[in-house]
Each structure stands twice: as C-alpha cells, then as structure tokens.
C-alpha cells in the first residue's frame, strides 16, 4: 500500500465532518473538484472506498467512518498545537472566517479596515447569512448573532453599540395618511415586510411604558432584499420597519420620515460567539482582543 498524502487525509476528514464537498471546500479555500480528486487519490492509494457519493449527499462508508474517527482527534490536536505556536508570533497569521447576519453589517463594516491594518498577516472571510445554522459545522471560526440561544460551551462577547428599529415611510405618504399614533393603526395602512431566506416573515414588535404590541400586518410588498424594501418605502409604497442603521442615510437626506419613535426603544447590539476551548486559533484570538479594545 502506498503511503497516503497528508493533505489528502486532511481533506477527507474535512469532507466527513461537513458531509458536503462545497462546505468543506469553502473551509479549506479550494474548489470542490480539488477535494473530490484528493479523496479519489486517497481511495486509490488505500485500495478502499471511503465515501458514498450521490447528487444529494456524501456519507462515509464503514471503512471511511472508522478512518475519520481515528484521524479527527489527531488533526484537531495538530490544529490546536499550530494555533498555540502561532499565538507566539508578533503578527498572527491565518484565515478568520466569520458568519454574520445582514443586520450586523453596519456594525462590522467599520471595523474591517482597522482590524486588517493592525494584523496584516490575517485574511478575513465574512459570509452574510440570516439563517440560524451551525456556523462551526459550516467551517466558520465564529459567528455574530442577536439574542441567540447559545450552547453551554459557547462564549459570547458583545460587539457594537446598542441598536433600534425604525418605522419609516416616504414624506408624501406620511403627509397623505398622517403619522400613526399607535402601532395598531398599521393594520389598516400599506406596509412593506421582510422575508428571511428561511421563509419566515417575523411580526413587528413595538414597546412603550411596559406595553408590548406585536403585529402581523398585510403587506403590499414582501421581499428578502432590504435595498428593495427601502427604495419602495422611499417611493411611497408603504410603511417599513427595519434597523435604524439601514435607513439612517435616507432619513438624513429627507427621503424617509420616522414614526412611532417612542414605541421603538433601543436594544443591545449583537454578540460575537465562539466555542469555549483550550486553544483559540490565533486569528480569532486577535479579533477577540481587537473587539474588546474597541469597547474600551
């Protein structure tokens, strides 16, 4: 039996962990076809089939399951050892992969240039994803989320300032209909709603003096695109509730006006969360320290 290449073994373990070539390829920064070839080379050297492949799934064979079970702890220890050594460098190196919701973009965007300027050896990959996925199973080092229920082995670090929702419409629509004085008035007004890629359309929630009002108004427009929704609001299609950060430029320019401000209190910003483990990868440790420094 020819001795298999180390890189092919590493590729195989990554594929088994994700059960998906594309996700494994994204973690390793290569193409799915390159990973597929690595597994074929490994199977040829070992003389054993390791993966069952269909158009819908990738699952290990019995031999593949056993091999992955033996190799995974080894590669995990090697990664932690290298990360620990990397922490002694004056300039940490490596790739930091973050999974963030669209609403966190205004908070994260101003940090990117400063962080990369302080750490020229780090490559940053940011994926915007509003779905509630297991970001670590998807190959990310950390995630950013709002009020997410985290497992006990997760650490959460606040990132960014408090935020709030804003209810907005075009000045012409507000003049024609008048500003609503209570959230329930929106049930009889044209509205614009946001649909998440999961298919969910969340109710609007307002709060004032201990009173909470949840609404599910009919909508003339439902879209997954904040840009389309904001433009439609500017064009007078209806009332739109979204993060204030998204509409601040349009409010400042007078293209939108705000209503029910007293019903839209601020709430804590998102948190950076990551697994609790003995050795944090150097790029992630650098970002954690950077975020803590920004909060000072």
Protein backbone atom coordinates (compact mmCIF):
# COMPACT_ATOMS: atom_id res chain seq x y z
CA UNK A 1 0.00 0.00 0.00
CA UNK A 2 1.33 3.41 -0.96
CA UNK A 3 1.54 5.83 1.96
CA UNK A 4 -1.26 8.41 1.55
CA UNK A 5 -0.55 12.11 1.30
CA UNK A 6 -1.11 14.12 4.48
CA UNK A 7 -3.14 16.72 2.56
CA UNK A 8 -5.46 14.01 1.20
CA UNK A 9 -6.12 12.69 4.72
CA UNK A 10 -6.86 16.20 5.95
CA UNK A 11 -9.21 16.80 3.03
CA UNK A 12 -11.02 13.53 3.73
CA UNK A 13 -11.57 14.40 7.41
CA UNK A 14 -12.93 17.81 6.47
CA UNK A 15 -15.40 16.30 3.99
CA UNK A 16 -16.66 13.76 6.53
CA UNK A 17 -17.17 16.50 9.11
CA UNK A 18 -19.29 18.58 6.73
CA UNK A 19 -20.88 15.72 4.75
CA UNK A 20 -20.72 18.19 1.86
CA UNK A 21 -17.98 18.90 -0.69
CA UNK A 22 -18.85 22.56 -1.19
CA UNK A 23 -18.83 23.43 2.50
CA UNK A 24 -15.59 21.51 3.04
CA UNK A 25 -14.04 23.27 0.05
CA UNK A 26 -15.06 26.66 1.45
CA UNK A 27 -13.36 25.88 4.75
CA UNK A 28 -10.14 24.81 3.04
CA UNK A 29 -10.16 27.57 0.45
CA UNK A 30 -10.09 25.24 -2.58
CA UNK A 31 -12.56 24.06 -5.18
CA UNK A 32 -14.94 21.16 -4.62
CA UNK A 33 -13.40 19.36 -7.61
CA UNK A 34 -9.96 19.60 -5.98
CA UNK A 35 -11.29 17.95 -2.82
CA UNK A 36 -13.05 15.28 -4.84
CA UNK A 37 -9.78 14.46 -6.58
CA UNK A 38 -7.97 14.30 -3.22
CA UNK A 39 -10.42 11.69 -1.97
CA UNK A 40 -10.13 9.68 -5.18
CA UNK A 41 -6.33 9.72 -4.80
CA UNK A 42 -6.65 8.62 -1.18
CA UNK A 43 -9.05 5.79 -2.04
CA UNK A 44 -6.73 4.63 -4.81
CA UNK A 45 -3.71 4.58 -2.51
CA UNK A 46 -5.59 2.71 0.23
CA UNK A 47 -7.47 0.42 -2.12
CA UNK A 48 -10.69 1.01 -0.15
CA UNK A 49 -13.80 3.05 -0.91
CA UNK A 50 -14.19 5.72 1.77
CA UNK A 51 -17.19 7.78 0.66
CA UNK A 52 -20.58 7.09 -0.85
CA UNK A 53 -21.42 9.95 -3.20
CA UNK A 54 -24.80 10.85 -4.68
CA UNK A 55 -26.10 14.05 -6.20
CA UNK A 56 -27.75 14.85 -2.83
CA UNK A 57 -25.40 13.58 -0.15
CA UNK A 58 -21.91 12.49 0.84
CA UNK A 59 -21.66 9.80 3.52
CA UNK A 60 -18.68 7.76 4.68
CA UNK A 61 -18.58 4.01 4.18
CA UNK A 62 -17.92 1.80 7.20
CA UNK A 63 -14.21 1.98 6.40
CA UNK A 64 -14.43 5.74 5.94
CA UNK A 65 -16.30 6.17 9.23
CA UNK A 66 -13.62 4.26 11.13
CA UNK A 67 -10.77 6.10 9.45
CA UNK A 68 -12.35 9.51 10.13
CA UNK A 69 -12.99 8.60 13.78
CA UNK A 70 -9.31 7.79 14.26
CA UNK A 71 -7.96 10.73 12.29
CA UNK A 72 -10.25 13.53 13.54
CA UNK A 73 -8.77 13.78 17.06
CA UNK A 74 -5.27 13.71 15.59
CA UNK A 75 -5.92 16.58 13.21
CA UNK A 76 -7.74 18.50 15.93
CA UNK A 77 -4.72 18.22 18.23
CA UNK A 78 -2.37 19.23 15.42
CA UNK A 79 -4.50 22.29 14.62
CA UNK A 80 -4.58 23.36 18.26
CA UNK A 81 -0.81 22.86 18.57
CA UNK A 82 -0.13 25.00 15.49
CA UNK A 83 -2.59 27.65 16.67
CA UNK A 84 -0.87 27.79 20.03
CA UNK A 85 2.53 28.29 18.40
CA UNK A 86 1.04 30.90 16.05
CA UNK A 87 0.00 32.85 19.15
CA UNK A 88 3.67 33.46 19.97
CA UNK A 89 4.24 35.31 16.70
CA UNK A 90 4.49 39.08 16.73
CA UNK A 91 2.00 39.09 13.86
CA UNK A 92 -0.59 36.27 13.89
CA UNK A 93 -1.25 34.68 10.51
CA UNK A 94 -4.04 32.63 9.01
CA UNK A 95 -7.64 32.92 7.88
CA UNK A 96 -10.51 34.10 10.09
CA UNK A 97 -13.96 33.04 8.87
CA UNK A 98 -16.98 34.88 10.30
CA UNK A 99 -20.69 34.21 9.74
CA UNK A 100 -22.83 37.31 10.35
CA UNK A 101 -26.46 38.37 9.82
CA UNK A 102 -27.26 41.19 7.43
CA UNK A 103 -28.32 43.44 10.30
CA UNK A 104 -24.79 43.32 11.76
CA UNK A 105 -23.14 44.67 8.62
CA UNK A 106 -23.28 48.36 9.68
CA UNK A 107 -21.55 47.41 12.94
CA UNK A 108 -18.92 45.12 11.44
CA UNK A 109 -18.06 47.09 8.29
CA UNK A 110 -16.26 49.99 10.05
CA UNK A 111 -14.08 47.51 11.97
CA UNK A 112 -12.71 45.61 8.97
CA UNK A 113 -10.05 48.04 7.73
CA UNK A 114 -8.76 48.82 11.22
CA UNK A 115 -8.50 45.15 12.15
CA UNK A 116 -6.72 44.15 8.94
CA UNK A 117 -4.44 47.17 9.25
CA UNK A 118 -3.34 46.00 12.69
CA UNK A 119 -2.96 42.38 11.57
CA UNK A 120 -1.54 42.25 8.02
CA UNK A 121 -0.90 38.51 8.31
CA UNK A 122 -4.59 37.67 8.71
CA UNK A 123 -7.01 37.01 5.85
CA UNK A 124 -10.63 37.78 6.72
CA UNK A 125 -13.61 35.98 5.17
CA UNK A 126 -17.10 37.28 6.04
CA UNK A 127 -20.24 35.43 4.98
CA UNK A 128 -23.58 37.22 5.41
CA UNK A 129 -26.25 34.70 6.37
CA UNK A 130 -29.54 35.37 8.17
CA UNK A 131 -30.35 31.69 8.65
CA UNK A 132 -29.86 30.02 12.01
CA UNK A 133 -27.22 27.49 11.07
CA UNK A 134 -24.48 25.67 12.98
CA UNK A 135 -21.75 28.07 11.92
CA UNK A 136 -18.99 25.82 13.26
CA UNK A 137 -20.21 22.77 11.38
CA UNK A 138 -20.17 25.02 8.30
CA UNK A 139 -16.46 25.71 8.80
CA UNK A 140 -16.59 29.17 10.40
CA UNK A 141 -14.41 30.21 13.32
CA UNK A 142 -17.03 32.45 14.94
CA UNK A 143 -20.47 33.92 14.39
CA UNK A 144 -22.29 37.15 15.15
CA UNK A 145 -25.94 36.97 16.19
CA UNK A 146 -28.66 38.80 18.12
CA UNK A 147 -30.16 37.28 21.29
CA UNK A 148 -29.28 33.77 20.15
CA UNK A 149 -29.64 30.79 22.46
CA UNK A 150 -26.10 29.53 22.78
CA UNK A 151 -24.91 26.15 23.94
CA UNK A 152 -23.17 25.97 27.30
CA UNK A 153 -19.78 25.62 25.64
CA UNK A 154 -20.13 28.90 23.73
CA UNK A 155 -18.62 32.22 24.74
CA UNK A 156 -20.44 35.44 23.74
CA UNK A 157 -18.71 38.82 23.50
CA UNK A 158 -20.79 41.98 22.87
CA UNK A 159 -19.78 43.75 19.69
CA UNK A 160 -21.04 47.15 18.62
CA UNK A 161 -23.32 49.76 20.09
CA UNK A 162 -27.00 49.36 21.03
CA UNK A 163 -29.39 49.41 18.09
CA UNK A 164 -33.06 50.09 17.48
CA UNK A 165 -35.76 49.54 14.89
CA UNK A 166 -37.29 52.43 13.00
CA UNK A 167 -40.70 52.64 11.34
CA UNK A 168 -40.36 54.73 8.18
CA UNK A 169 -42.27 55.89 5.12
CA UNK A 170 -41.92 58.50 2.41
CA UNK A 171 -42.73 62.11 3.38
CA UNK A 172 -45.52 62.13 0.77
CA UNK A 173 -47.19 59.01 2.21
CA UNK A 174 -46.87 60.36 5.75
CA UNK A 175 -48.39 63.69 4.67
CA UNK A 176 -51.28 62.00 2.87
CA UNK A 177 -52.12 59.50 5.62
CA UNK A 178 -50.74 61.26 8.68
CA UNK A 179 -48.25 59.76 11.13
CA UNK A 180 -49.63 56.76 13.05
CA UNK A 181 -50.01 57.43 16.76
CA UNK A 182 -50.33 53.79 17.83
CA UNK A 183 -48.83 50.62 16.29
CA UNK A 184 -52.28 49.08 15.71
CA UNK A 185 -53.02 51.78 13.14
CA UNK A 186 -50.56 49.98 10.86
CA UNK A 187 -53.09 47.17 10.44
CA UNK A 188 -55.08 49.45 8.13
CA UNK A 189 -52.13 51.03 6.30
CA UNK A 190 -49.98 49.83 3.40
CA UNK A 191 -46.87 48.05 4.66
CA UNK A 192 -43.65 46.51 3.41
CA UNK A 193 -42.43 43.30 5.08
CA UNK A 194 -39.11 41.47 5.14
CA UNK A 195 -38.95 37.73 4.48
CA UNK A 196 -35.94 35.77 5.70
CA UNK A 197 -34.36 33.25 3.37
CA UNK A 198 -35.74 30.53 5.64
CA UNK A 199 -39.20 31.69 4.54
CA UNK A 200 -40.16 33.31 7.85
CA UNK A 201 -41.82 36.74 8.00
CA UNK A 202 -41.46 37.86 11.60
CA UNK A 203 -44.13 40.02 13.26
CA UNK A 204 -43.39 43.63 14.04
CA UNK A 205 -42.91 44.30 17.74
CA UNK A 206 -43.30 47.66 19.50
CA UNK A 207 -42.87 48.53 23.16
CA UNK A 208 -43.71 51.55 25.30
CA UNK A 209 -44.11 52.03 29.05
CA UNK A 210 -44.24 48.31 29.67
CA UNK A 211 -46.79 47.66 26.92
CA UNK A 212 -45.75 45.35 24.11
CA UNK A 213 -47.62 45.22 20.79
CA UNK A 214 -46.96 42.51 18.19
CA UNK A 215 -48.41 42.99 14.73
CA UNK A 216 -48.60 40.91 11.57
CA UNK A 217 -49.93 43.49 9.08
CA UNK A 218 -50.80 42.71 5.49
CA UNK A 219 -48.16 43.82 3.03
CA UNK A 220 -48.24 45.24 -0.46
CA UNK A 221 -44.64 44.13 -0.82
CA UNK A 222 -42.72 41.26 0.79
CA UNK A 223 -39.03 40.89 -0.07
CA UNK A 224 -35.80 39.35 1.17
CA UNK A 225 -33.89 42.44 -0.02
CA UNK A 226 -33.55 45.40 2.39
CA UNK A 227 -32.41 47.57 -0.54
CA UNK A 228 -35.61 46.90 -2.49
CA UNK A 229 -37.73 47.46 0.61
CA UNK A 230 -36.05 50.78 1.43
CA UNK A 231 -36.37 52.04 -2.14
CA UNK A 232 -40.04 51.03 -2.18
CA UNK A 233 -40.58 52.91 1.08
CA UNK A 234 -38.91 55.99 -0.39
CA UNK A 235 -41.21 55.69 -3.41
CA UNK A 236 -44.31 55.70 -1.20
CA UNK A 237 -45.29 52.01 -1.40
CA UNK A 238 -45.85 51.67 2.35
CA UNK A 239 -44.56 51.71 5.91
CA UNK A 240 -41.42 49.71 6.62
CA UNK A 241 -39.91 48.61 9.95
CA UNK A 242 -36.20 47.85 9.87
CA UNK A 243 -32.92 48.51 11.64
CA UNK A 244 -32.33 52.22 12.05
CA UNK A 245 -28.78 51.84 10.70
CA UNK A 246 -30.18 50.73 7.34
CA UNK A 247 -32.33 53.84 6.85
CA UNK A 248 -30.25 56.49 8.60
CA UNK A 249 -28.88 57.95 5.31
CA UNK A 250 -32.39 58.17 3.81
CA UNK A 251 -33.72 59.81 6.98
CA UNK A 252 -30.88 62.34 6.99
CA UNK A 253 -31.49 63.14 3.32
CA UNK A 254 -35.23 63.56 3.86
CA UNK A 255 -36.21 60.69 1.58
CA UNK A 256 -37.88 58.96 4.56
CA UNK A 257 -39.56 60.13 7.75
CA UNK A 258 -39.90 58.19 11.00
CA UNK A 259 -42.97 57.49 13.10
CA UNK A 260 -43.73 55.85 16.46
CA UNK A 261 -40.26 56.71 17.77
CA UNK A 262 -41.39 56.34 21.38
CA UNK A 263 -42.52 52.79 20.56
CA UNK A 264 -39.09 51.82 19.19
CA UNK A 265 -36.65 51.59 22.13
CA UNK A 266 -33.03 50.61 21.70
CA UNK A 267 -31.82 47.09 22.41
CA UNK A 268 -28.39 45.51 22.91
CA UNK A 269 -26.24 45.06 19.84
CA UNK A 270 -25.12 41.65 18.59
CA UNK A 271 -22.51 39.38 20.14
CA UNK A 272 -19.50 37.62 18.71
CA UNK A 273 -19.75 33.99 19.77
CA UNK A 274 -17.29 31.14 19.51
CA UNK A 275 -16.64 27.71 21.08
CA UNK A 276 -15.06 27.51 24.50
CA UNK A 277 -11.90 25.52 24.10
CA UNK A 278 -8.42 25.43 25.47
CA UNK A 279 -6.65 26.92 22.46
CA UNK A 280 -8.36 29.60 20.38
CA UNK A 281 -6.89 29.98 16.84
CA UNK A 282 -4.54 32.95 16.65
CA UNK A 283 -6.59 34.89 14.04
CA UNK A 284 -9.73 34.55 16.18
CA UNK A 285 -7.83 35.46 19.35
CA UNK A 286 -6.54 38.58 17.61
CA UNK A 287 -10.09 39.56 16.60
CA UNK A 288 -11.42 38.92 20.11
CA UNK A 289 -8.73 41.17 21.58
CA UNK A 290 -9.48 43.77 18.90
CA UNK A 291 -13.21 43.77 19.69
CA UNK A 292 -12.51 44.11 23.40
CA UNK A 293 -10.20 47.02 22.68
CA UNK A 294 -12.87 48.74 20.62
CA UNK A 295 -15.26 48.52 23.58
CA UNK A 296 -12.89 50.34 25.93
